[in-house]
Amino acid sequence: MDQRRKFAVWMLVMLAAIVVFSVLALCMGQFHIEPARVFEELFGARRALAAQDNVRTVLHNIRIPRILMALIAGAGLSASGAAFQSLFANPLATPDTLGVANGASFGAALGILLGGGAAEVQLLALLFGLAAVALVYAVTRGAGAQNPSMLMMILAGMVISSLFSALVSLVKYVADPQDVLPVITFWLLGSFSGITRSSMLLGAPLILVGTVLIFLLRFRLNALSLSEDEARSLGVNLKRVRAMVVAAAAMTTAAIVSACGVIGWVGLLIPHIARMLFGNDNRYVVPASIGAGALFMLLVDTLARCMNAAEVPVSILTAIIGAPVFILLLRRTGGLRT
């Protein structure tokens, strides 16, 4: 089977799996809903009974927004991870390589400390996540490099990430240990339990725009390993492509963290699975990462809310699942490929 046919088959399988498991996720949870009732609410005539109103409320106000956000977030994190791994030629690059997640975490923690509502917390997280990337560029420009190297950007990202991590610790230190600190701690663990229609309206459009932009740039991502002269001869402006990739991935990651908290491993693990299946060609890796990331996050979130009455934070499960799978990938491939 040639590469294109293999890719088409895998994408169709992943799309079918996403549809099937999304329907199952609508049925599953502490409040169980029969599949027939799900289809009736989505596609059939609505009933006016109180019990049916409860089903309608759970579906339209809780589960559908949560499932959609899990799909979008998984796709966005995986696309950002694949883009950064190609951009920096580093198999360990993640969506937080430039400190976006820690910057957004500080913004959210500060918003919670100041007593802001959900919208204010989400907005502060988004702004500080983007500010972290702006600081990385300021540091690299301040170092006297008009066209900073990827290594310089990685080092600056590590510095800015550590700075915002320290600021998060400072906020947690001064927070009220009875009321505020538990809220900050739970938020930092990452969860889709607080997703509502309003939070989706703020975060989802930015995630979709960033993910679509990375998808459109997938052809040019393959040129990032070339020299400036070679890329110019092919009509590729490397400086512009790099800036667009960084902006898209940073916007996507900041929007995800602002809505859901910090969710690790997805942006590292899923692109490696895509590369194991399709090689290093980003024309296939980026779409495969988007599909596999959406499916993976949907499955993990469904497991998180169905395991126990007290919901398990998603980031804990992604780490528990991701670490062993990553080790298996290392043993099977014999190393990491970028």
C-alpha atoms as a PDB file:
ATOM      1  CA  MET A   1       0.000   0.000   0.000  1.00  0.00           C
ATOM      2  CA  ASP A   2       1.481   3.356  -1.013  1.00  0.00           C
ATOM      3  CA  GLN A   3       1.798   6.284   1.402  1.00  0.00           C
ATOM      4  CA  ARG A   4      -1.204   8.254   0.139  1.00  0.00           C
ATOM      5  CA  ARG A   5      -3.556   5.297   0.303  1.00  0.00           C
ATOM      6  CA  LYS A   6      -2.284   4.311   3.743  1.00  0.00           C
ATOM      7  CA  PHE A   7      -2.783   7.881   4.939  1.00  0.00           C
ATOM      8  CA  ALA A   8      -6.313   8.051   3.520  1.00  0.00           C
ATOM      9  CA  VAL A   9      -7.283   4.748   5.161  1.00  0.00           C
ATOM     10  CA  TRP A  10      -5.913   5.815   8.551  1.00  0.00           C
ATOM     11  CA  MET A  11      -7.655   9.188   8.418  1.00  0.00           C
ATOM     12  CA  LEU A  12     -10.987   7.563   7.544  1.00  0.00           C
ATOM     13  CA  VAL A  13     -10.562   5.090  10.399  1.00  0.00           C
ATOM     14  CA  MET A  14      -9.731   7.899  12.855  1.00  0.00           C
ATOM     15  CA  LEU A  15     -12.679   9.996  11.661  1.00  0.00           C
ATOM     16  CA  ALA A  16     -15.059   7.054  12.082  1.00  0.00           C
ATOM     17  CA  ALA A  17     -13.605   6.330  15.537  1.00  0.00           C
ATOM     18  CA  ILE A  18     -14.063   9.962  16.573  1.00  0.00           C
ATOM     19  CA  VAL A  19     -17.732   9.895  15.545  1.00  0.00           C
ATOM     20  CA  VAL A  20     -18.426   6.556  17.264  1.00  0.00           C
ATOM     21  CA  PHE A  21     -16.630   7.396  20.506  1.00  0.00           C
ATOM     22  CA  SER A  22     -18.171  10.876  20.627  1.00  0.00           C
ATOM     23  CA  VAL A  23     -21.640   9.322  20.576  1.00  0.00           C
ATOM     24  CA  LEU A  24     -20.607   6.824  23.258  1.00  0.00           C
ATOM     25  CA  ALA A  25     -19.144   9.656  25.345  1.00  0.00           C
ATOM     26  CA  LEU A  26     -22.498  11.446  25.204  1.00  0.00           C
ATOM     27  CA  CYS A  27     -24.096   8.375  26.775  1.00  0.00           C
ATOM     28  CA  MET A  28     -21.471   7.653  29.428  1.00  0.00           C
ATOM     29  CA  GLY A  29     -20.982   9.291  32.801  1.00  0.00           C
ATOM     30  CA  GLN A  30     -22.444   9.398  36.285  1.00  0.00           C
ATOM     31  CA  PHE A  31     -25.759  10.347  34.665  1.00  0.00           C
ATOM     32  CA  HIS A  32     -26.216   7.583  32.094  1.00  0.00           C
ATOM     33  CA  ILE A  33     -28.205   8.333  28.940  1.00  0.00           C
ATOM     34  CA  GLU A  34     -29.463   5.662  26.569  1.00  0.00           C
ATOM     35  CA  PRO A  35     -28.132   5.893  22.998  1.00  0.00           C
ATOM     36  CA  ALA A  36     -31.676   6.113  21.648  1.00  0.00           C
ATOM     37  CA  ARG A  37     -32.302   9.179  23.836  1.00  0.00           C
ATOM     38  CA  VAL A  38     -29.091  10.797  22.578  1.00  0.00           C
ATOM     39  CA  PHE A  39     -30.138  10.378  18.947  1.00  0.00           C
ATOM     40  CA  GLU A  40     -33.645  11.567  19.765  1.00  0.00           C
ATOM     41  CA  GLU A  41     -32.326  14.742  21.392  1.00  0.00           C
ATOM     42  CA  LEU A  42     -29.859  15.418  18.609  1.00  0.00           C
ATOM     43  CA  PHE A  43     -31.933  14.519  15.573  1.00  0.00           C
ATOM     44  CA  GLY A  44     -35.498  13.742  16.657  1.00  0.00           C
ATOM     45  CA  ALA A  45     -38.504  15.478  18.162  1.00  0.00           C
ATOM     46  CA  ARG A  46     -38.062  16.875  21.662  1.00  0.00           C
ATOM     47  CA  ARG A  47     -40.308  15.919  24.539  1.00  0.00           C
ATOM     48  CA  ALA A  48     -41.552  18.222  27.253  1.00  0.00           C
ATOM     49  CA  LEU A  49     -41.301  15.841  30.186  1.00  0.00           C
ATOM     50  CA  ALA A  50     -39.158  16.887  33.149  1.00  0.00           C
ATOM     51  CA  ALA A  51     -36.968  13.804  32.897  1.00  0.00           C
ATOM     52  CA  GLN A  52     -36.353  14.541  29.246  1.00  0.00           C
ATOM     53  CA  ASP A  53     -35.520  18.159  30.146  1.00  0.00           C
ATOM     54  CA  ASN A  54     -32.797  16.852  32.472  1.00  0.00           C
ATOM     55  CA  VAL A  55     -31.371  14.779  29.640  1.00  0.00           C
ATOM     56  CA  ARG A  56     -31.487  17.796  27.354  1.00  0.00           C
ATOM     57  CA  THR A  57     -29.719  19.971  29.932  1.00  0.00           C
ATOM     58  CA  VAL A  58     -26.941  17.449  30.507  1.00  0.00           C
ATOM     59  CA  LEU A  59     -26.399  16.924  26.794  1.00  0.00           C
ATOM     60  CA  HIS A  60     -26.526  20.497  25.510  1.00  0.00           C
ATOM     61  CA  ASN A  61     -25.051  22.393  28.446  1.00  0.00           C
ATOM     62  CA  ILE A  62     -22.465  19.947  29.785  1.00  0.00           C
ATOM     63  CA  ARG A  63     -21.490  17.004  27.604  1.00  0.00           C
ATOM     64  CA  ILE A  64     -21.607  18.428  24.094  1.00  0.00           C
ATOM     65  CA  PRO A  65     -19.477  21.515  24.965  1.00  0.00           C
ATOM     66  CA  ARG A  66     -17.074  19.333  26.937  1.00  0.00           C
ATOM     67  CA  ILE A  67     -16.680  16.724  24.193  1.00  0.00           C
ATOM     68  CA  LEU A  68     -16.226  19.375  21.513  1.00  0.00           C
ATOM     69  CA  MET A  69     -13.598  21.128  23.619  1.00  0.00           C
ATOM     70  CA  ALA A  70     -11.761  17.859  24.266  1.00  0.00           C
ATOM     71  CA  LEU A  71     -11.639  17.163  20.521  1.00  0.00           C
ATOM     72  CA  ILE A  72     -10.502  20.690  19.677  1.00  0.00           C
ATOM     73  CA  ALA A  73      -7.917  20.817  22.466  1.00  0.00           C
ATOM     74  CA  GLY A  74      -6.451  17.429  21.572  1.00  0.00           C
ATOM     75  CA  ALA A  75      -6.181  18.435  17.922  1.00  0.00           C
ATOM     76  CA  GLY A  76      -4.619  21.793  18.799  1.00  0.00           C
ATOM     77  CA  LEU A  77      -2.030  20.425  21.225  1.00  0.00           C
ATOM     78  CA  SER A  78      -0.975  17.691  18.801  1.00  0.00           C
ATOM     79  CA  ALA A  79      -0.712  20.096  15.858  1.00  0.00           C
ATOM     80  CA  SER A  80       1.329  22.545  17.957  1.00  0.00           C
ATOM     81  CA  GLY A  81       3.634  19.772  19.146  1.00  0.00           C
ATOM     82  CA  ALA A  82       4.199  18.513  15.588  1.00  0.00           C
ATOM     83  CA  ALA A  83       4.882  22.056  14.358  1.00  0.00           C
ATOM     84  CA  PHE A  84       7.378  22.853  17.127  1.00  0.00           C
ATOM     85  CA  GLN A  85       9.194  19.540  16.717  1.00  0.00           C
ATOM     86  CA  SER A  86       9.716  20.361  13.041  1.00  0.00           C
ATOM     87  CA  LEU A  87      10.471  24.031  13.665  1.00  0.00           C
ATOM     88  CA  PHE A  88      13.144  23.395  16.296  1.00  0.00           C
ATOM     89  CA  ALA A  89      14.313  20.050  14.816  1.00  0.00           C
ATOM     90  CA  ASN A  90      13.944  18.701  18.335  1.00  0.00           C
ATOM     91  CA  PRO A  91      11.978  15.499  19.025  1.00  0.00           C
ATOM     92  CA  LEU A  92      11.410  16.607  22.634  1.00  0.00           C
ATOM     93  CA  ALA A  93       9.813  19.930  21.709  1.00  0.00           C
ATOM     94  CA  THR A  94       6.322  20.422  23.125  1.00  0.00           C
ATOM     95  CA  PRO A  95       3.661  23.134  22.803  1.00  0.00           C
ATOM     96  CA  ASP A  96       5.178  24.713  25.954  1.00  0.00           C
ATOM     97  CA  THR A  97       8.705  24.995  24.554  1.00  0.00           C
ATOM     98  CA  LEU A  98       8.454  28.798  24.532  1.00  0.00           C
ATOM     99  CA  GLY A  99       6.857  29.027  27.983  1.00  0.00           C
ATOM    100  CA  VAL A 100       3.257  29.536  26.850  1.00  0.00           C
ATOM    101  CA  ALA A 101       1.712  27.091  29.328  1.00  0.00           C
ATOM    102  CA  ASN A 102       3.517  28.499  32.357  1.00  0.00           C
ATOM    103  CA  GLY A 103       2.668  32.034  31.281  1.00  0.00           C
ATOM    104  CA  ALA A 104      -1.007  31.122  30.935  1.00  0.00           C
ATOM    105  CA  SER A 105      -0.867  29.268  34.265  1.00  0.00           C
ATOM    106  CA  PHE A 106       0.385  32.408  35.984  1.00  0.00           C
ATOM    107  CA  GLY A 107      -2.374  34.478  34.419  1.00  0.00           C
ATOM    108  CA  ALA A 108      -5.041  32.040  35.584  1.00  0.00           C
ATOM    109  CA  ALA A 109      -3.566  31.719  39.073  1.00  0.00           C
ATOM    110  CA  LEU A 110      -3.401  35.518  39.352  1.00  0.00           C
ATOM    111  CA  GLY A 111      -7.009  35.808  38.198  1.00  0.00           C
ATOM    112  CA  ILE A 112      -8.162  33.259  40.784  1.00  0.00           C
ATOM    113  CA  LEU A 113      -6.142  35.031  43.496  1.00  0.00           C
ATOM    114  CA  LEU A 114      -7.772  38.352  42.628  1.00  0.00           C
ATOM    115  CA  GLY A 115     -11.229  36.783  42.806  1.00  0.00           C
ATOM    116  CA  GLY A 116     -12.072  37.091  39.126  1.00  0.00           C
ATOM    117  CA  GLY A 117     -14.859  35.154  37.488  1.00  0.00           C
ATOM    118  CA  ALA A 118     -14.379  32.362  34.984  1.00  0.00           C
ATOM    119  CA  ALA A 119     -14.227  34.729  31.999  1.00  0.00           C
ATOM    120  CA  GLU A 120     -11.689  37.026  33.692  1.00  0.00           C
ATOM    121  CA  VAL A 121      -9.494  34.067  34.680  1.00  0.00           C
ATOM    122  CA  GLN A 122      -9.597  32.682  31.160  1.00  0.00           C
ATOM    123  CA  LEU A 123      -8.811  36.063  29.607  1.00  0.00           C
ATOM    124  CA  LEU A 124      -5.846  36.683  31.937  1.00  0.00           C
ATOM    125  CA  ALA A 125      -4.500  33.210  31.190  1.00  0.00           C
ATOM    126  CA  LEU A 126      -4.741  33.838  27.456  1.00  0.00           C
ATOM    127  CA  LEU A 127      -3.042  37.237  27.685  1.00  0.00           C
ATOM    128  CA  PHE A 128      -0.138  36.038  29.854  1.00  0.00           C
ATOM    129  CA  GLY A 129       0.351  32.972  27.668  1.00  0.00           C
ATOM    130  CA  LEU A 130       0.811  35.203  24.631  1.00  0.00           C
ATOM    131  CA  ALA A 131       2.937  37.601  26.697  1.00  0.00           C
ATOM    132  CA  ALA A 132       5.351  34.745  27.430  1.00  0.00           C
ATOM    133  CA  VAL A 133       6.055  34.309  23.704  1.00  0.00           C
ATOM    134  CA  ALA A 134       6.431  38.062  23.280  1.00  0.00           C
ATOM    135  CA  LEU A 135       9.028  38.026  26.071  1.00  0.00           C
ATOM    136  CA  VAL A 136      10.903  35.212  24.338  1.00  0.00           C
ATOM    137  CA  TYR A 137      11.135  37.316  21.193  1.00  0.00           C
ATOM    138  CA  ALA A 138      12.157  40.351  23.253  1.00  0.00           C
ATOM    139  CA  VAL A 139      14.948  38.361  24.926  1.00  0.00           C
ATOM    140  CA  THR A 140      16.281  37.030  21.623  1.00  0.00           C
ATOM    141  CA  ARG A 141      16.111  40.441  19.960  1.00  0.00           C
ATOM    142  CA  GLY A 142      17.737  42.021  23.003  1.00  0.00           C
ATOM    143  CA  ALA A 143      20.620  39.585  22.624  1.00  0.00           C
ATOM    144  CA  GLY A 144      21.504  41.399  19.390  1.00  0.00           C
ATOM    145  CA  ALA A 145      20.234  38.796  16.935  1.00  0.00           C
ATOM    146  CA  GLN A 146      18.062  40.169  14.137  1.00  0.00           C
ATOM    147  CA  ASN A 147      17.347  36.608  13.041  1.00  0.00           C
ATOM    148  CA  PRO A 148      17.665  34.533  16.228  1.00  0.00           C
ATOM    149  CA  SER A 149      18.592  30.883  15.947  1.00  0.00           C
ATOM    150  CA  MET A 150      16.229  28.149  17.021  1.00  0.00           C
ATOM    151  CA  LEU A 151      18.601  27.195  19.836  1.00  0.00           C
ATOM    152  CA  MET A 152      18.513  30.761  21.158  1.00  0.00           C
ATOM    153  CA  MET A 153      14.721  30.726  21.130  1.00  0.00           C
ATOM    154  CA  ILE A 154      14.637  27.399  22.993  1.00  0.00           C
ATOM    155  CA  LEU A 155      17.013  28.735  25.658  1.00  0.00           C
ATOM    156  CA  ALA A 156      14.981  31.937  25.985  1.00  0.00           C
ATOM    157  CA  GLY A 157      11.820  29.838  26.260  1.00  0.00           C
ATOM    158  CA  MET A 158      13.330  27.833  29.092  1.00  0.00           C
ATOM    159  CA  VAL A 159      14.232  31.033  30.944  1.00  0.00           C
ATOM    160  CA  ILE A 160      10.800  32.626  30.501  1.00  0.00           C
ATOM    161  CA  SER A 161       9.089  29.351  31.409  1.00  0.00           C
ATOM    162  CA  SER A 162      11.105  29.126  34.634  1.00  0.00           C
ATOM    163  CA  LEU A 163      10.280  32.745  35.440  1.00  0.00           C
ATOM    164  CA  PHE A 164       6.536  32.227  35.116  1.00  0.00           C
ATOM    165  CA  SER A 165       6.769  28.933  37.012  1.00  0.00           C
ATOM    166  CA  ALA A 166       8.344  30.838  39.911  1.00  0.00           C
ATOM    167  CA  LEU A 167       5.577  33.444  39.712  1.00  0.00           C
ATOM    168  CA  VAL A 168       2.950  30.672  39.863  1.00  0.00           C
ATOM    169  CA  SER A 169       4.658  29.326  42.997  1.00  0.00           C
ATOM    170  CA  LEU A 170       4.630  32.840  44.466  1.00  0.00           C
ATOM    171  CA  VAL A 171       0.882  33.183  43.835  1.00  0.00           C
ATOM    172  CA  LYS A 172       0.258  29.792  45.444  1.00  0.00           C
ATOM    173  CA  TYR A 173       2.399  30.812  48.429  1.00  0.00           C
ATOM    174  CA  VAL A 174       0.370  33.953  49.157  1.00  0.00           C
ATOM    175  CA  ALA A 175      -3.019  32.395  48.362  1.00  0.00           C
ATOM    176  CA  ASP A 176      -5.476  31.505  51.113  1.00  0.00           C
ATOM    177  CA  PRO A 177      -4.765  27.809  51.868  1.00  0.00           C
ATOM    178  CA  GLN A 178      -8.395  27.146  52.774  1.00  0.00           C
ATOM    179  CA  ASP A 179     -10.266  28.593  49.814  1.00  0.00           C
ATOM    180  CA  VAL A 180      -8.063  29.903  47.002  1.00  0.00           C
ATOM    181  CA  LEU A 181      -5.092  27.519  46.980  1.00  0.00           C
ATOM    182  CA  PRO A 182      -7.164  24.345  46.309  1.00  0.00           C
ATOM    183  CA  VAL A 183      -8.868  26.078  43.372  1.00  0.00           C
ATOM    184  CA  ILE A 184      -5.524  27.095  41.861  1.00  0.00           C
ATOM    185  CA  THR A 185      -4.056  23.639  42.405  1.00  0.00           C
ATOM    186  CA  PHE A 186      -6.985  21.843  40.797  1.00  0.00           C
ATOM    187  CA  TRP A 187      -7.011  24.240  37.846  1.00  0.00           C
ATOM    188  CA  LEU A 188      -3.293  23.682  37.224  1.00  0.00           C
ATOM    189  CA  LEU A 189      -3.886  19.915  37.033  1.00  0.00           C
ATOM    190  CA  GLY A 190      -5.942  20.364  33.880  1.00  0.00           C
ATOM    191  CA  SER A 191      -9.556  19.366  33.419  1.00  0.00           C
ATOM    192  CA  PHE A 192     -12.530  19.812  31.084  1.00  0.00           C
ATOM    193  CA  SER A 193     -15.017  19.757  33.958  1.00  0.00           C
ATOM    194  CA  GLY A 194     -15.442  23.541  33.917  1.00  0.00           C
ATOM    195  CA  ILE A 195     -16.078  23.863  30.179  1.00  0.00           C
ATOM    196  CA  THR A 196     -19.238  25.785  29.358  1.00  0.00           C
ATOM    197  CA  ARG A 197     -20.630  27.375  26.234  1.00  0.00           C
ATOM    198  CA  SER A 198     -19.206  30.766  27.235  1.00  0.00           C
ATOM    199  CA  SER A 199     -15.707  29.399  27.868  1.00  0.00           C
ATOM    200  CA  MET A 200     -15.831  27.685  24.480  1.00  0.00           C
ATOM    201  CA  LEU A 201     -16.779  30.944  22.765  1.00  0.00           C
ATOM    202  CA  LEU A 202     -13.580  32.549  24.067  1.00  0.00           C
ATOM    203  CA  GLY A 203     -11.141  29.675  23.598  1.00  0.00           C
ATOM    204  CA  ALA A 204     -12.358  27.468  20.740  1.00  0.00           C
ATOM    205  CA  PRO A 205     -12.152  30.052  17.894  1.00  0.00           C
ATOM    206  CA  LEU A 206      -8.510  30.833  18.694  1.00  0.00           C
ATOM    207  CA  ILE A 207      -7.646  27.134  18.909  1.00  0.00           C
ATOM    208  CA  LEU A 208      -9.334  26.444  15.584  1.00  0.00           C
ATOM    209  CA  VAL A 209      -7.639  29.380  13.855  1.00  0.00           C
ATOM    210  CA  GLY A 210      -4.209  28.334  15.124  1.00  0.00           C
ATOM    211  CA  THR A 211      -4.743  24.677  14.232  1.00  0.00           C
ATOM    212  CA  VAL A 212      -6.013  25.488  10.748  1.00  0.00           C
ATOM    213  CA  LEU A 213      -3.038  27.786  10.165  1.00  0.00           C
ATOM    214  CA  ILE A 214      -0.596  25.019  11.134  1.00  0.00           C
ATOM    215  CA  PHE A 215      -2.508  22.651   8.849  1.00  0.00           C
ATOM    216  CA  LEU A 216      -2.186  25.102   5.946  1.00  0.00           C
ATOM    217  CA  LEU A 217       1.542  25.518   6.624  1.00  0.00           C
ATOM    218  CA  ARG A 218       2.215  21.780   6.684  1.00  0.00           C
ATOM    219  CA  PHE A 219       3.751  21.877   3.196  1.00  0.00           C
ATOM    220  CA  ARG A 220       6.196  24.618   4.208  1.00  0.00           C
ATOM    221  CA  LEU A 221       7.151  22.920   7.477  1.00  0.00           C
ATOM    222  CA  ASN A 222       9.215  20.466   5.450  1.00  0.00           C
ATOM    223  CA  ALA A 223      11.377  23.390   4.244  1.00  0.00           C
ATOM    224  CA  LEU A 224      12.352  24.485   7.761  1.00  0.00           C
ATOM    225  CA  SER A 225      15.320  22.114   7.776  1.00  0.00           C
ATOM    226  CA  LEU A 226      16.794  23.830   4.676  1.00  0.00           C
ATOM    227  CA  SER A 227      19.266  26.704   4.689  1.00  0.00           C
ATOM    228  CA  GLU A 228      18.097  30.248   3.947  1.00  0.00           C
ATOM    229  CA  ASP A 229      19.478  30.130   0.393  1.00  0.00           C
ATOM    230  CA  GLU A 230      17.945  26.742  -0.414  1.00  0.00           C
ATOM    231  CA  ALA A 231      14.555  27.787   0.948  1.00  0.00           C
ATOM    232  CA  ARG A 232      14.682  31.088  -0.953  1.00  0.00           C
ATOM    233  CA  SER A 233      15.392  29.229  -4.175  1.00  0.00           C
ATOM    234  CA  LEU A 234      12.180  27.261  -3.572  1.00  0.00           C
ATOM    235  CA  GLY A 235      10.204  30.438  -2.933  1.00  0.00           C
ATOM    236  CA  VAL A 236       9.916  29.890   0.838  1.00  0.00           C
ATOM    237  CA  ASN A 237      10.476  32.788   3.231  1.00  0.00           C
ATOM    238  CA  LEU A 238      11.796  30.908   6.268  1.00  0.00           C
ATOM    239  CA  LYS A 239      11.624  33.920   8.569  1.00  0.00           C
ATOM    240  CA  ARG A 240       7.961  34.484   7.787  1.00  0.00           C
ATOM    241  CA  VAL A 241       7.082  30.789   8.018  1.00  0.00           C
ATOM    242  CA  ARG A 242       8.799  30.451  11.394  1.00  0.00           C
ATOM    243  CA  ALA A 243       7.008  33.527  12.748  1.00  0.00           C
ATOM    244  CA  MET A 244       3.633  32.225  11.539  1.00  0.00           C
ATOM    245  CA  VAL A 245       4.240  28.766  13.020  1.00  0.00           C
ATOM    246  CA  VAL A 246       5.281  30.214  16.384  1.00  0.00           C
ATOM    247  CA  ALA A 247       2.300  32.587  16.439  1.00  0.00           C
ATOM    248  CA  ALA A 248      -0.191  29.837  15.512  1.00  0.00           C
ATOM    249  CA  ALA A 249       1.169  27.302  18.003  1.00  0.00           C
ATOM    250  CA  ALA A 250       1.450  29.879  20.790  1.00  0.00           C
ATOM    251  CA  MET A 251      -2.093  31.164  20.241  1.00  0.00           C
ATOM    252  CA  THR A 252      -3.441  27.604  20.164  1.00  0.00           C
ATOM    253  CA  THR A 253      -1.616  26.518  23.318  1.00  0.00           C
ATOM    254  CA  ALA A 254      -2.474  29.678  25.255  1.00  0.00           C
ATOM    255  CA  ALA A 255      -6.166  29.328  24.385  1.00  0.00           C
ATOM    256  CA  ILE A 256      -6.198  25.660  25.434  1.00  0.00           C
ATOM    257  CA  VAL A 257      -4.451  26.303  28.744  1.00  0.00           C
ATOM    258  CA  SER A 258      -6.703  29.292  29.471  1.00  0.00           C
ATOM    259  CA  ALA A 259      -9.814  27.119  29.047  1.00  0.00           C
ATOM    260  CA  CYS A 260      -8.697  23.722  30.360  1.00  0.00           C
ATOM    261  CA  GLY A 261      -5.556  24.191  32.434  1.00  0.00           C
ATOM    262  CA  VAL A 262      -2.223  22.530  31.767  1.00  0.00           C
ATOM    263  CA  ILE A 263      -2.466  19.211  29.890  1.00  0.00           C
ATOM    264  CA  GLY A 264       0.831  17.502  29.224  1.00  0.00           C
ATOM    265  CA  TRP A 265       2.121  14.689  27.008  1.00  0.00           C
ATOM    266  CA  VAL A 266      -0.403  15.097  24.190  1.00  0.00           C
ATOM    267  CA  GLY A 267       1.779  17.464  22.171  1.00  0.00           C
ATOM    268  CA  LEU A 268       4.823  15.239  22.693  1.00  0.00           C
ATOM    269  CA  LEU A 269       3.379  11.750  22.301  1.00  0.00           C
ATOM    270  CA  ILE A 270       0.874  12.041  19.444  1.00  0.00           C
ATOM    271  CA  PRO A 271       3.238  13.556  16.812  1.00  0.00           C
ATOM    272  CA  HIS A 272       5.686  10.688  17.420  1.00  0.00           C
ATOM    273  CA  ILE A 273       2.931   8.160  16.812  1.00  0.00           C
ATOM    274  CA  ALA A 274       2.091   9.983  13.571  1.00  0.00           C
ATOM    275  CA  ARG A 275       5.756   9.918  12.516  1.00  0.00           C
ATOM    276  CA  MET A 276       5.993   6.231  13.311  1.00  0.00           C
ATOM    277  CA  LEU A 277       3.093   5.640  10.908  1.00  0.00           C
ATOM    278  CA  PHE A 278       3.913   8.098   8.108  1.00  0.00           C
ATOM    279  CA  GLY A 279       7.583   9.080   8.408  1.00  0.00           C
ATOM    280  CA  ASN A 280       8.784  12.680   8.631  1.00  0.00           C
ATOM    281  CA  ASP A 281       6.679  14.244   5.876  1.00  0.00           C
ATOM    282  CA  ASN A 282       4.620  16.973   7.563  1.00  0.00           C
ATOM    283  CA  ARG A 283       2.034  16.782   4.788  1.00  0.00           C
ATOM    284  CA  TYR A 284       0.920  13.578   6.500  1.00  0.00           C
ATOM    285  CA  VAL A 285       2.233  14.072  10.053  1.00  0.00           C
ATOM    286  CA  VAL A 286       0.271  17.252  10.821  1.00  0.00           C
ATOM    287  CA  PRO A 287      -3.198  15.991   9.721  1.00  0.00           C
ATOM    288  CA  ALA A 288      -2.548  12.608  11.350  1.00  0.00           C
ATOM    289  CA  SER A 289      -1.526  14.355  14.582  1.00  0.00           C
ATOM    290  CA  ILE A 290      -4.696  16.450  14.517  1.00  0.00           C
ATOM    291  CA  GLY A 291      -6.936  13.399  14.114  1.00  0.00           C
ATOM    292  CA  ALA A 292      -5.075  11.177  16.574  1.00  0.00           C
ATOM    293  CA  GLY A 293      -4.800  13.974  19.145  1.00  0.00           C
ATOM    294  CA  ALA A 294      -8.527  14.670  19.025  1.00  0.00           C
ATOM    295  CA  LEU A 295      -9.337  10.967  19.442  1.00  0.00           C
ATOM    296  CA  PHE A 296      -6.797  10.477  22.240  1.00  0.00           C
ATOM    297  CA  MET A 297      -8.056  13.459  24.233  1.00  0.00           C
ATOM    298  CA  LEU A 298     -11.678  12.365  23.798  1.00  0.00           C
ATOM    299  CA  LEU A 299     -10.896   8.888  25.138  1.00  0.00           C
ATOM    300  CA  VAL A 300      -8.838  10.186  28.067  1.00  0.00           C
ATOM    301  CA  ASP A 301     -11.454  12.755  29.086  1.00  0.00           C
ATOM    302  CA  THR A 302     -14.234  10.169  28.903  1.00  0.00           C
ATOM    303  CA  LEU A 303     -12.173   7.852  31.094  1.00  0.00           C
ATOM    304  CA  ALA A 304     -11.447  10.703  33.517  1.00  0.00           C
ATOM    305  CA  ARG A 305     -15.115  11.466  34.161  1.00  0.00           C
ATOM    306  CA  CYS A 306     -16.285   7.845  34.231  1.00  0.00           C
ATOM    307  CA  MET A 307     -13.626   6.260  36.467  1.00  0.00           C
ATOM    308  CA  ASN A 308     -14.929   7.671  39.710  1.00  0.00           C
ATOM    309  CA  ALA A 309     -17.571   9.955  41.147  1.00  0.00           C
ATOM    310  CA  ALA A 310     -14.724  12.331  42.018  1.00  0.00           C
ATOM    311  CA  GLU A 311     -13.353  13.227  38.592  1.00  0.00           C
ATOM    312  CA  VAL A 312      -9.676  12.513  37.901  1.00  0.00           C
ATOM    313  CA  PRO A 313      -7.766  15.453  36.362  1.00  0.00           C
ATOM    314  CA  VAL A 314      -7.011  14.820  32.697  1.00  0.00           C
ATOM    315  CA  SER A 315      -3.309  15.675  32.941  1.00  0.00           C
ATOM    316  CA  ILE A 316      -2.774  12.879  35.465  1.00  0.00           C
ATOM    317  CA  LEU A 317      -4.202  10.319  33.064  1.00  0.00           C
ATOM    318  CA  THR A 318      -2.300  11.676  30.053  1.00  0.00           C
ATOM    319  CA  ALA A 319       0.944  11.264  32.011  1.00  0.00           C
ATOM    320  CA  ILE A 320       0.051   7.788  33.293  1.00  0.00           C
ATOM    321  CA  ILE A 321      -0.897   6.658  29.776  1.00  0.00           C
ATOM    322  CA  GLY A 322       1.649   8.708  27.864  1.00  0.00           C
ATOM    323  CA  ALA A 323       4.837   7.689  29.665  1.00  0.00           C
ATOM    324  CA  PRO A 324       4.539   3.910  29.112  1.00  0.00           C
ATOM    325  CA  VAL A 325       3.376   4.404  25.509  1.00  0.00           C
ATOM    326  CA  PHE A 326       6.324   6.701  24.837  1.00  0.00           C
ATOM    327  CA  ILE A 327       8.728   4.116  26.252  1.00  0.00           C
ATOM    328  CA  LEU A 328       7.194   1.476  23.970  1.00  0.00           C
ATOM    329  CA  LEU A 329       7.655   3.805  21.005  1.00  0.00           C
ATOM    330  CA  LEU A 330      11.309   4.276  21.924  1.00  0.00           C
ATOM    331  CA  ARG A 331      11.870   0.528  22.123  1.00  0.00           C
ATOM    332  CA  ARG A 332      10.068  -0.102  18.855  1.00  0.00           C
ATOM    333  CA  THR A 333      11.664   2.661  16.774  1.00  0.00           C
ATOM    334  CA  GLY A 334      15.075   2.549  18.399  1.00  0.00           C
ATOM    335  CA  GLY A 335      15.121   6.297  18.960  1.00  0.00           C
ATOM    336  CA  LEU A 336      13.328   9.562  18.261  1.00  0.00           C
ATOM    337  CA  ARG A 337      12.760  10.968  14.789  1.00  0.00           C
ATOM    338  CA  THR A 338      12.138  14.606  13.903  1.00  0.00           C
END
